[in-house]
Amino acid sequence: MPCKLPKKIDRVVKVGILGLGTVGSGAAKILIEHSDLIALRAMPIKLIRVVDKDIPKAQKLLDSLGLNDIPVSDNWQDLVNDDSIDIMIEVVGGIQMPYEAISAALKKGKSVVTANKDLIASHGGELLSIAEEFATDLFFEASVAGGIPIIQVMKESLAANRFVQIMGIVNGTTNYILTSMAEKGASFEEALQEAQKLGYAEADPTNDVEGYDAARKIAILASIAFNSRVTDDMVPVEGITHISDWDIKYATEFGYVIKMLGIAKEDENGIEVRVHPAMIPQSHPLASVRDSFNAIFVEGDVLGEAMFFGRGAGSLPTGSAIVGDVIAAARNICHNSKSRWGCTCFMEKKVKTIDQTNSKYYVRIKVFDQPGVFAAITKILGEENVSMDSVMQKRRISEDKAEIVLVTHQVNHADMMRSIDRIRNLSCVANIANIIRVEEREA
C-alpha cells in the first residue's frame, strides 16, 4: 500500500537566476518542466526573475519555456534588491562580480546556490562566513562534479568518517582526450581537436588541459574532507600536454592506464593535494571511467572505498545539482532551519609542498646507444635514494639512440627531481622524454 502524499507546504519559494547561459538555462528548464514533481516532493518553487548580460537571448529562452512574463535585466542588484526572492542562483562564472553579488545576497538574508568553482575554491571560506553571520545558506554542490552528488554526501552521509584520501577524475575534457589516445591511438593534438568538435573542450582549452580546472575542484573537496582551508593556489598542477602515444603504450605494458587525477590525502604530516596525469592499475575502479565522464573515488576509515560516477558537466546534469541545492535551501527556509551546515574548515592544518610528497614514478629516457648507459643512470638513482621497481629497454629511435623506460618504488619528490636533473646532464643521455607519477591502489 503506498504512503500518503507528503504534507503540503503552501508557501511558494521564489527564485532568481543570475546568468542564463548553458548551466543557468539547464536549471531554469528543470525548475519549469519538473515544477509539479518538485512541488510534490518538497514545496512549490517558482522562478520569478532573471539577470543576464544578453537580455534578448535570455528573453528568447524564457519565451521558449513559456515564461514571457518574467522580468529580465542586466544588473545583478535588481535581483539582490528584490525582497520577494528567497533564493539566488549564481551561474554567471568569474570571481569579482559574482563575489559582490553573492555576498550582497547573503547579507540580505537570501539563500544562495552557485556552481562557481573558481569563486568557491578561492573565496569560499569568506562567503561561508558571511552566510553564517547572516544566518542563511550557501550551497555549491554543482561546483565540483556537475551532476555527481559528492559535497552533500561528504558533509552528511559520510560525516562519521575520517577521510584517508579523495582521488578524482574531475575534468571531462582531459578524460576524453586520454581515452581517445588510449583507445583510438590518437595523438594529443588529434584528440584535443576531436574534443573541441564535440563541444567537450573550449577554443582555448588551457584551464582543462593544464589542470587548473581540476585544481579548483580538488581544493574544494580537500577543504571539506580534512576540515581545513585549501585554496586552489595551494595545489601543485601539471597538465597532460606532454603525454604521448608512447607513454600510453608503455603504460599498457606495465599494466596501467593514464588518467588526469585530482588527489587529496592526509597523514600525520599534513594535507597532500595535487593535480597531474598519473598511471593507475588497470584494476583500479577509476581506470574504467571513459570519455567525458567524471568519477570521484573516496576512502574513509570506516566506510572503506566508494566511487561516485556520472556526468561532470553539461546543462542538464549540472542543472540537476543546482536544483537539488535549491530544493535543500527551500526546505531549510520552510522549516526555519537555515545555516545548518556552515563552514566545515574549522581547523588549520599544514598543506604539504610538492617536495614533501612521495610517489612512484614512470620515467622515459632517450639515450645514446653505447656501453655503460644503464650503469650511469642506476648509479645516480642509487645515490639519490631512488630504487627501481621495473625496467624496460625499449625501441631503437635511430641508429645511435635507444629508449629506456623505468618505474621506481615510492620515492620522495625532491629526491626524484634531483636524480632527474643529474641524469639529464649525463653525456650519454639525449633527453628525459617524460616523467609521470604512478598511483598504486593501497592494500
Protein backbone atom coordinates (compact mmCIF):
# COMPACT_ATOMS: atom_id res chain seq x y z
CA MET A 1 0.00 0.00 0.00
CA PRO A 2 1.53 3.38 -0.98
CA CYS A 3 2.36 6.02 1.60
CA LYS A 4 0.30 9.16 1.92
CA LEU A 5 1.33 12.19 -0.07
CA PRO A 6 3.82 14.41 1.77
CA LYS A 7 2.28 17.11 3.93
CA LYS A 8 1.56 20.03 1.61
CA ILE A 9 3.58 23.21 2.12
CA ASP A 10 1.53 26.14 0.95
CA ARG A 11 4.38 28.63 0.79
CA VAL A 12 5.83 29.29 -2.66
CA VAL A 13 9.62 29.66 -2.55
CA LYS A 14 10.74 32.25 -5.09
CA VAL A 15 13.98 32.04 -7.04
CA GLY A 16 16.05 34.37 -9.19
CA ILE A 17 18.82 33.32 -11.59
CA LEU A 18 21.99 35.32 -12.22
CA GLY A 19 23.31 34.08 -15.57
CA LEU A 20 21.18 32.28 -18.13
CA GLY A 21 23.92 30.60 -20.14
CA THR A 22 24.44 26.88 -20.60
CA VAL A 23 24.14 25.95 -16.92
CA GLY A 24 21.60 28.60 -15.96
CA SER A 25 19.31 27.60 -18.81
CA GLY A 26 19.52 23.97 -17.69
CA ALA A 27 18.49 24.92 -14.16
CA ALA A 28 15.62 27.08 -15.46
CA LYS A 29 14.41 24.27 -17.71
CA ILE A 30 14.37 21.78 -14.81
CA LEU A 31 12.58 24.22 -12.48
CA ILE A 32 9.84 24.75 -15.06
CA GLU A 33 9.44 21.28 -16.57
CA HIS A 34 9.68 19.46 -13.22
CA SER A 35 7.72 22.00 -11.19
CA ASP A 36 4.88 19.58 -10.38
CA LEU A 37 7.28 16.86 -9.23
CA ILE A 38 9.30 19.35 -7.15
CA ALA A 39 6.11 20.63 -5.51
CA LEU A 40 5.08 17.08 -4.62
CA ARG A 41 8.47 16.07 -3.24
CA ALA A 42 9.22 19.33 -1.45
CA MET A 43 7.23 22.53 -1.97
CA PRO A 44 6.27 24.87 -4.82
CA ILE A 45 9.34 26.66 -6.19
CA LYS A 46 8.88 29.45 -8.71
CA LEU A 47 11.39 31.26 -10.93
CA ILE A 48 10.43 34.94 -10.87
CA ARG A 49 13.42 36.97 -12.11
CA VAL A 50 16.48 36.61 -14.37
CA VAL A 51 19.60 38.72 -14.74
CA ASP A 52 21.84 38.21 -17.78
CA LYS A 53 24.13 40.45 -19.82
CA ASP A 54 22.41 39.31 -23.05
CA ILE A 55 18.82 40.36 -22.40
CA PRO A 56 17.35 39.44 -25.85
CA LYS A 57 18.88 35.95 -25.73
CA ALA A 58 17.67 35.38 -22.17
CA GLN A 59 14.17 36.60 -23.03
CA LYS A 60 14.04 34.28 -26.05
CA LEU A 61 14.97 31.30 -23.88
CA LEU A 62 12.35 32.21 -21.28
CA ASP A 63 9.73 32.60 -24.03
CA SER A 64 10.55 29.06 -25.22
CA LEU A 65 9.80 27.84 -21.68
CA GLY A 66 6.51 29.73 -21.53
CA LEU A 67 7.88 32.37 -19.17
CA ASN A 68 7.41 35.55 -21.19
CA ASP A 69 6.15 37.43 -18.12
CA ILE A 70 9.42 37.09 -16.12
CA PRO A 71 11.42 40.35 -15.86
CA VAL A 72 14.93 40.24 -17.31
CA SER A 73 17.66 42.80 -16.68
CA ASP A 74 21.45 43.03 -16.88
CA ASN A 75 22.04 44.37 -13.36
CA TRP A 76 22.61 41.88 -10.55
CA GLN A 77 21.45 44.42 -7.99
CA ASP A 78 17.92 44.12 -9.39
CA LEU A 79 17.91 40.51 -8.21
CA VAL A 80 19.57 41.14 -4.85
CA ASN A 81 17.26 44.07 -4.04
CA ASP A 82 14.09 42.17 -4.91
CA ASP A 83 12.81 41.36 -1.42
CA SER A 84 10.38 38.75 -2.74
CA ILE A 85 13.25 36.48 -3.87
CA ASP A 86 14.18 33.80 -1.33
CA ILE A 87 16.99 32.05 -3.25
CA MET A 88 19.52 33.40 -5.74
CA ILE A 89 21.16 31.01 -8.22
CA GLU A 90 24.55 32.29 -9.42
CA VAL A 91 25.84 30.66 -12.60
CA VAL A 92 27.49 33.57 -14.37
CA GLY A 93 31.09 32.50 -13.62
CA GLY A 94 34.15 34.57 -12.84
CA ILE A 95 35.12 35.94 -9.45
CA GLN A 96 34.78 39.67 -8.79
CA MET A 97 31.17 40.34 -9.83
CA PRO A 98 29.80 37.01 -8.51
CA TYR A 99 31.59 37.64 -5.19
CA GLU A 100 29.92 41.04 -4.89
CA ALA A 101 26.51 39.67 -5.87
CA ILE A 102 26.65 36.60 -3.62
CA SER A 103 27.95 38.47 -0.59
CA ALA A 104 25.25 41.13 -1.04
CA ALA A 105 22.54 38.48 -1.37
CA LEU A 106 23.74 36.65 1.74
CA LYS A 107 23.79 39.90 3.71
CA LYS A 108 20.16 40.40 2.66
CA GLY A 109 19.37 37.00 4.21
CA LYS A 110 18.81 35.29 0.85
CA SER A 111 19.96 31.72 0.35
CA VAL A 112 22.44 31.30 -2.49
CA VAL A 113 23.14 28.36 -4.80
CA THR A 114 26.22 28.53 -7.04
CA ALA A 115 28.13 26.35 -9.49
CA ASN A 116 31.12 28.71 -9.42
CA LYS A 117 34.19 26.54 -8.69
CA ASP A 118 36.63 29.42 -9.28
CA LEU A 119 34.93 31.52 -6.63
CA ILE A 120 34.41 28.74 -4.08
CA ALA A 121 37.99 27.46 -4.45
CA SER A 122 39.45 30.93 -3.83
CA HIS A 123 36.88 32.72 -1.62
CA GLY A 124 34.55 30.03 -0.37
CA GLY A 125 35.63 30.45 3.25
CA GLU A 126 34.84 34.17 3.23
CA LEU A 127 31.40 33.63 1.69
CA LEU A 128 30.53 30.81 4.08
CA SER A 129 31.47 33.10 6.98
CA ILE A 130 29.11 35.76 5.65
CA ALA A 131 26.35 33.16 5.30
CA GLU A 132 26.90 32.10 8.90
CA GLU A 133 26.94 35.68 10.17
CA PHE A 134 23.62 36.44 8.47
CA ALA A 135 22.07 33.03 9.35
CA THR A 136 21.47 31.88 5.80
CA ASP A 137 22.72 29.22 3.37
CA LEU A 138 25.35 28.95 0.64
CA PHE A 139 25.14 25.73 -1.40
CA PHE A 140 27.68 24.73 -4.08
CA GLU A 141 27.16 21.06 -4.99
CA ALA A 142 27.45 21.81 -8.71
CA SER A 143 30.88 23.45 -8.34
CA VAL A 144 32.86 20.19 -8.27
CA ALA A 145 31.50 17.42 -10.45
CA GLY A 146 28.45 18.64 -12.30
CA GLY A 147 25.58 16.28 -11.66
CA ILE A 148 27.52 13.87 -9.41
CA PRO A 149 26.46 14.24 -5.76
CA ILE A 150 29.61 14.42 -3.64
CA ILE A 151 29.66 17.54 -1.42
CA GLN A 152 26.45 16.79 0.46
CA VAL A 153 27.49 13.13 0.66
CA MET A 154 30.79 14.08 2.31
CA LYS A 155 29.22 16.63 4.64
CA GLU A 156 26.29 14.48 5.74
CA SER A 157 26.20 10.83 4.68
CA LEU A 158 29.93 10.26 5.32
CA ALA A 159 30.30 12.70 8.22
CA ALA A 160 31.27 9.85 10.60
CA ASN A 161 34.42 9.06 8.56
CA ARG A 162 37.97 10.25 8.81
CA PHE A 163 38.79 10.60 5.14
CA VAL A 164 42.00 8.86 4.09
CA GLN A 165 42.06 10.06 0.50
CA ILE A 166 39.99 11.57 -2.29
CA MET A 167 41.07 10.72 -5.83
CA GLY A 168 39.04 12.01 -8.73
CA ILE A 169 38.68 12.32 -12.47
CA VAL A 170 37.02 15.72 -12.23
CA ASN A 171 37.59 17.11 -15.72
CA GLY A 172 35.71 15.56 -18.63
CA THR A 173 37.83 17.22 -21.33
CA THR A 174 41.10 15.64 -20.24
CA ASN A 175 39.44 12.29 -19.63
CA TYR A 176 38.00 12.33 -23.15
CA ILE A 177 41.41 13.19 -24.63
CA LEU A 178 43.24 10.44 -22.73
CA THR A 179 40.52 7.92 -23.59
CA SER A 180 40.80 8.80 -27.28
CA MET A 181 44.59 8.46 -27.17
CA ALA A 182 44.36 5.06 -25.45
CA GLU A 183 41.53 3.53 -27.47
CA LYS A 184 41.93 5.14 -30.90
CA GLY A 185 45.68 5.68 -30.99
CA ALA A 186 45.15 9.41 -31.48
CA SER A 187 47.88 11.91 -30.72
CA PHE A 188 47.23 14.55 -28.07
CA GLU A 189 46.63 17.17 -30.77
CA GLU A 190 44.19 14.93 -32.67
CA ALA A 191 42.28 14.02 -29.52
CA LEU A 192 42.05 17.67 -28.47
CA GLN A 193 40.67 18.71 -31.87
CA GLU A 194 38.08 15.95 -31.66
CA ALA A 195 37.08 17.08 -28.15
CA GLN A 196 36.67 20.65 -29.42
CA LYS A 197 34.48 19.50 -32.32
CA LEU A 198 32.23 17.61 -29.90
CA GLY A 199 31.97 20.57 -27.54
CA TYR A 200 33.91 18.92 -24.71
CA ALA A 201 36.80 21.38 -24.99
CA GLU A 202 36.80 25.16 -25.30
CA ALA A 203 38.52 27.00 -28.15
CA ASP A 204 41.14 27.86 -25.52
CA PRO A 205 41.47 24.60 -23.58
CA THR A 206 44.19 25.82 -21.20
CA ASN A 207 42.17 25.59 -17.97
CA ASP A 208 41.32 21.96 -18.73
CA VAL A 209 44.47 20.50 -20.28
CA GLU A 210 46.85 22.30 -17.90
CA GLY A 211 44.90 21.10 -14.84
CA TYR A 212 43.68 24.43 -13.42
CA ASP A 213 40.01 23.42 -13.56
CA ALA A 214 40.73 20.18 -11.68
CA ALA A 215 42.86 22.06 -9.12
CA ARG A 216 39.91 24.23 -8.12
CA LYS A 217 37.68 21.21 -7.70
CA ILE A 218 40.11 19.14 -5.64
CA ALA A 219 40.80 22.18 -3.43
CA ILE A 220 37.09 22.32 -2.58
CA LEU A 221 36.92 18.58 -1.85
CA ALA A 222 40.09 18.64 0.26
CA SER A 223 38.74 21.52 2.34
CA ILE A 224 35.59 19.54 3.12
CA ALA A 225 37.31 16.20 3.67
CA PHE A 226 40.01 17.45 6.03
CA ASN A 227 38.15 20.37 7.69
CA SER A 228 40.94 22.82 6.83
CA ARG A 229 41.04 25.55 4.21
CA VAL A 230 42.73 24.51 0.95
CA THR A 231 42.64 27.10 -1.81
CA ASP A 232 43.45 26.47 -5.45
CA ASP A 233 46.76 28.33 -5.25
CA MET A 234 47.98 25.67 -2.79
CA VAL A 235 47.54 22.89 -5.34
CA PRO A 236 50.60 21.87 -7.44
CA VAL A 237 49.38 21.38 -11.00
CA GLU A 238 50.71 19.54 -14.04
CA GLY A 239 48.84 19.18 -17.33
CA ILE A 240 48.55 16.45 -19.94
CA THR A 241 50.05 18.21 -22.98
CA HIS A 242 53.29 16.21 -22.64
CA ILE A 243 51.58 12.79 -22.74
CA SER A 244 52.49 10.91 -25.93
CA ASP A 245 51.18 7.80 -27.64
CA TRP A 246 54.36 6.01 -26.47
CA ASP A 247 53.54 6.76 -22.84
CA ILE A 248 50.08 5.29 -23.40
CA LYS A 249 51.60 2.13 -24.92
CA TYR A 250 54.20 1.67 -22.18
CA ALA A 251 51.55 2.22 -19.51
CA THR A 252 49.58 -0.67 -21.01
CA GLU A 253 52.66 -2.92 -20.99
CA PHE A 254 53.20 -2.14 -17.30
CA GLY A 255 49.51 -2.88 -16.57
CA TYR A 256 48.47 0.75 -16.11
CA VAL A 257 46.06 3.34 -17.54
CA ILE A 258 46.89 7.05 -17.67
CA LYS A 259 44.29 9.37 -16.12
CA MET A 260 44.31 13.04 -15.17
CA LEU A 261 43.70 12.99 -11.40
CA GLY A 262 42.98 15.34 -8.56
CA ILE A 263 44.39 13.76 -5.40
CA ALA A 264 43.95 14.76 -1.77
CA LYS A 265 45.36 12.79 1.16
CA GLU A 266 46.08 13.35 4.83
CA ASP A 267 48.60 11.83 7.21
CA GLU A 268 50.32 12.86 10.42
CA ASN A 269 52.49 15.34 8.46
CA GLY A 270 49.61 17.28 6.95
CA ILE A 271 47.39 17.51 3.89
CA GLU A 272 48.69 16.49 0.48
CA VAL A 273 46.81 17.83 -2.53
CA ARG A 274 47.89 17.79 -6.18
CA VAL A 275 46.67 17.55 -9.79
CA HIS A 276 48.56 15.72 -12.53
CA PRO A 277 48.36 12.83 -15.00
CA ALA A 278 49.04 9.52 -13.31
CA MET A 279 49.35 5.87 -14.17
CA ILE A 280 46.90 3.76 -12.18
CA PRO A 281 46.50 -0.04 -12.26
CA GLN A 282 44.04 -1.34 -14.83
CA SER A 283 42.17 -2.96 -11.92
CA HIS A 284 41.52 0.38 -10.20
CA PRO A 285 37.84 1.50 -10.35
CA LEU A 286 38.87 4.84 -11.89
CA ALA A 287 40.66 3.06 -14.76
CA SER A 288 37.34 2.14 -16.38
CA VAL A 289 35.98 5.72 -16.40
CA ARG A 290 35.92 6.64 -20.09
CA ASP A 291 35.23 9.54 -22.42
CA SER A 292 33.89 12.72 -20.79
CA PHE A 293 32.59 11.03 -17.65
CA ASN A 294 33.82 12.04 -14.20
CA ALA A 295 34.27 9.92 -11.08
CA ILE A 296 35.37 10.55 -7.51
CA PHE A 297 36.95 7.73 -5.50
CA VAL A 298 36.64 8.20 -1.75
CA GLU A 299 38.32 6.25 1.03
CA GLY A 300 37.16 6.65 4.62
CA ASP A 301 38.41 4.86 7.70
CA VAL A 302 35.01 3.33 8.48
CA LEU A 303 33.39 3.35 5.03
CA GLY A 304 36.32 1.82 3.20
CA GLU A 305 36.14 2.62 -0.52
CA ALA A 306 33.35 4.11 -2.59
CA MET A 307 33.17 5.66 -6.05
CA PHE A 308 30.73 8.26 -7.36
CA PHE A 309 30.35 8.27 -11.15
CA GLY A 310 28.45 10.31 -13.71
CA ARG A 311 28.35 13.36 -15.93
CA GLY A 312 30.65 16.02 -14.59
CA ALA A 313 29.39 18.85 -16.77
CA GLY A 314 26.64 19.86 -19.16
CA SER A 315 23.50 21.95 -18.98
CA LEU A 316 21.10 19.40 -17.50
CA PRO A 317 23.48 17.32 -15.33
CA THR A 318 24.85 20.48 -13.68
CA GLY A 319 21.34 21.91 -13.59
CA SER A 320 20.26 18.80 -11.71
CA ALA A 321 22.78 19.53 -8.94
CA ILE A 322 21.78 23.20 -8.83
CA VAL A 323 18.07 22.44 -8.49
CA GLY A 324 18.86 19.80 -5.87
CA ASP A 325 20.58 22.55 -3.86
CA VAL A 326 17.63 24.89 -4.47
CA ILE A 327 15.27 22.28 -3.02
CA ALA A 328 17.55 21.78 0.01
CA ALA A 329 17.69 25.56 0.55
CA ALA A 330 13.91 25.82 0.15
CA ARG A 331 13.34 23.09 2.74
CA ASN A 332 15.57 24.95 5.19
CA ILE A 333 13.61 28.14 4.56
CA CYS A 334 10.23 26.48 5.04
CA HIS A 335 11.30 24.64 8.21
CA ASN A 336 13.19 27.60 9.71
CA SER A 337 16.46 25.68 9.68
CA LYS A 338 18.77 27.81 7.59
CA SER A 339 22.52 27.84 8.33
CA ARG A 340 22.58 24.21 9.47
CA TRP A 341 25.91 23.42 7.78
CA GLY A 342 28.13 26.46 7.91
CA CYS A 343 31.79 26.32 7.01
CA THR A 344 33.48 22.94 7.53
CA CYS A 345 37.02 24.40 7.71
CA PHE A 346 37.24 24.83 11.47
CA MET A 347 40.85 23.56 11.71
CA GLU A 348 44.19 24.90 10.49
CA LYS A 349 46.34 22.11 9.09
CA LYS A 350 49.60 22.21 7.21
CA VAL A 351 49.39 21.74 3.45
CA LYS A 352 52.49 19.98 2.14
CA THR A 353 54.65 21.36 -0.62
CA ILE A 354 55.16 19.13 -3.66
CA ASP A 355 58.70 18.32 -2.47
CA GLN A 356 57.24 16.76 0.69
CA THR A 357 55.12 14.25 -1.23
CA ASN A 358 56.00 10.66 -2.13
CA SER A 359 55.05 8.64 -5.18
CA LYS A 360 56.20 6.02 -7.63
CA TYR A 361 57.44 7.40 -10.96
CA TYR A 362 57.48 6.27 -14.57
CA VAL A 363 60.47 7.73 -16.43
CA ARG A 364 61.12 7.53 -20.20
CA ILE A 365 64.70 8.37 -21.15
CA LYS A 366 66.20 8.73 -24.62
CA VAL A 367 69.85 7.69 -24.55
CA PHE A 368 72.79 7.26 -26.88
CA ASP A 369 73.19 3.54 -27.55
CA GLN A 370 76.60 2.93 -26.04
CA PRO A 371 78.13 0.81 -23.25
CA GLY A 372 77.67 1.94 -19.64
CA VAL A 373 74.48 3.96 -20.11
CA PHE A 374 72.32 1.90 -17.79
CA ALA A 375 75.05 1.71 -15.15
CA ALA A 376 75.45 5.50 -15.15
CA ILE A 377 71.71 6.02 -14.69
CA THR A 378 71.32 3.45 -11.92
CA LYS A 379 74.36 4.88 -10.09
CA ILE A 380 72.69 8.30 -9.85
CA LEU A 381 69.36 6.82 -8.79
CA GLY A 382 71.04 4.88 -6.01
CA GLU A 383 72.91 7.94 -4.78
CA GLU A 384 69.61 9.87 -4.59
CA ASN A 385 67.76 7.11 -2.67
CA VAL A 386 65.68 6.08 -5.69
CA SER A 387 65.14 2.34 -6.16
CA MET A 388 63.65 0.75 -9.26
CA ASP A 389 60.58 -1.45 -9.45
CA SER A 390 60.59 -2.27 -13.19
CA VAL A 391 62.87 -1.54 -16.16
CA MET A 392 62.39 -1.95 -19.91
CA GLN A 393 64.89 -1.23 -22.66
CA LYS A 394 62.55 -0.40 -25.48
CA ARG A 395 62.57 0.75 -29.08
CA ARG A 396 65.58 1.91 -31.01
CA ILE A 397 64.87 5.52 -32.01
CA SER A 398 67.66 5.84 -34.58
CA GLU A 399 70.96 4.24 -35.45
CA ASP A 400 72.64 5.71 -32.38
CA LYS A 401 69.74 6.26 -29.96
CA ALA A 402 67.50 4.00 -27.89
CA GLU A 403 64.89 4.41 -25.16
CA ILE A 404 64.96 3.19 -21.57
CA VAL A 405 61.71 3.07 -19.58
CA LEU A 406 61.67 2.50 -15.84
CA VAL A 407 59.26 2.62 -12.89
CA THR A 408 60.58 3.43 -9.43
CA HIS A 409 59.43 2.37 -6.00
CA GLN A 410 57.91 5.00 -3.70
CA VAL A 411 60.28 7.94 -3.57
CA ASN A 412 60.32 11.48 -2.24
CA HIS A 413 59.56 14.03 -4.95
CA ALA A 414 62.59 16.20 -4.17
CA ASP A 415 64.92 13.18 -4.34
CA MET A 416 63.36 12.15 -7.65
CA MET A 417 63.77 15.59 -9.20
CA ARG A 418 67.42 15.83 -8.11
CA SER A 419 68.15 12.48 -9.73
CA ILE A 420 66.35 13.54 -12.93
CA ASP A 421 68.39 16.76 -13.13
CA ARG A 422 71.62 14.77 -12.76
CA ILE A 423 70.58 12.12 -15.31
CA ARG A 424 69.61 14.84 -17.78
CA ASN A 425 73.17 16.17 -17.66
CA LEU A 426 74.83 12.83 -18.45
CA SER A 427 76.67 12.87 -21.77
CA CYS A 428 75.09 9.53 -22.68
CA VAL A 429 71.53 10.89 -22.25
CA ALA A 430 69.86 12.65 -25.18
CA ASN A 431 66.88 13.86 -23.13
CA ILE A 432 64.30 12.93 -20.49
CA ALA A 433 61.27 12.25 -22.67
CA ASN A 434 58.70 12.12 -19.87
CA ILE A 435 58.05 11.65 -16.15
CA ILE A 436 54.63 10.51 -14.90
CA ARG A 437 53.59 9.64 -11.36
CA VAL A 438 52.28 6.15 -10.63
CA GLU A 439 49.44 5.83 -8.10
CA GLU A 440 49.13 2.28 -6.84
CA ARG A 441 45.98 1.20 -5.04
CA GLU A 442 46.93 0.72 -1.42
CA ALA A 443 46.21 -2.71 0.08
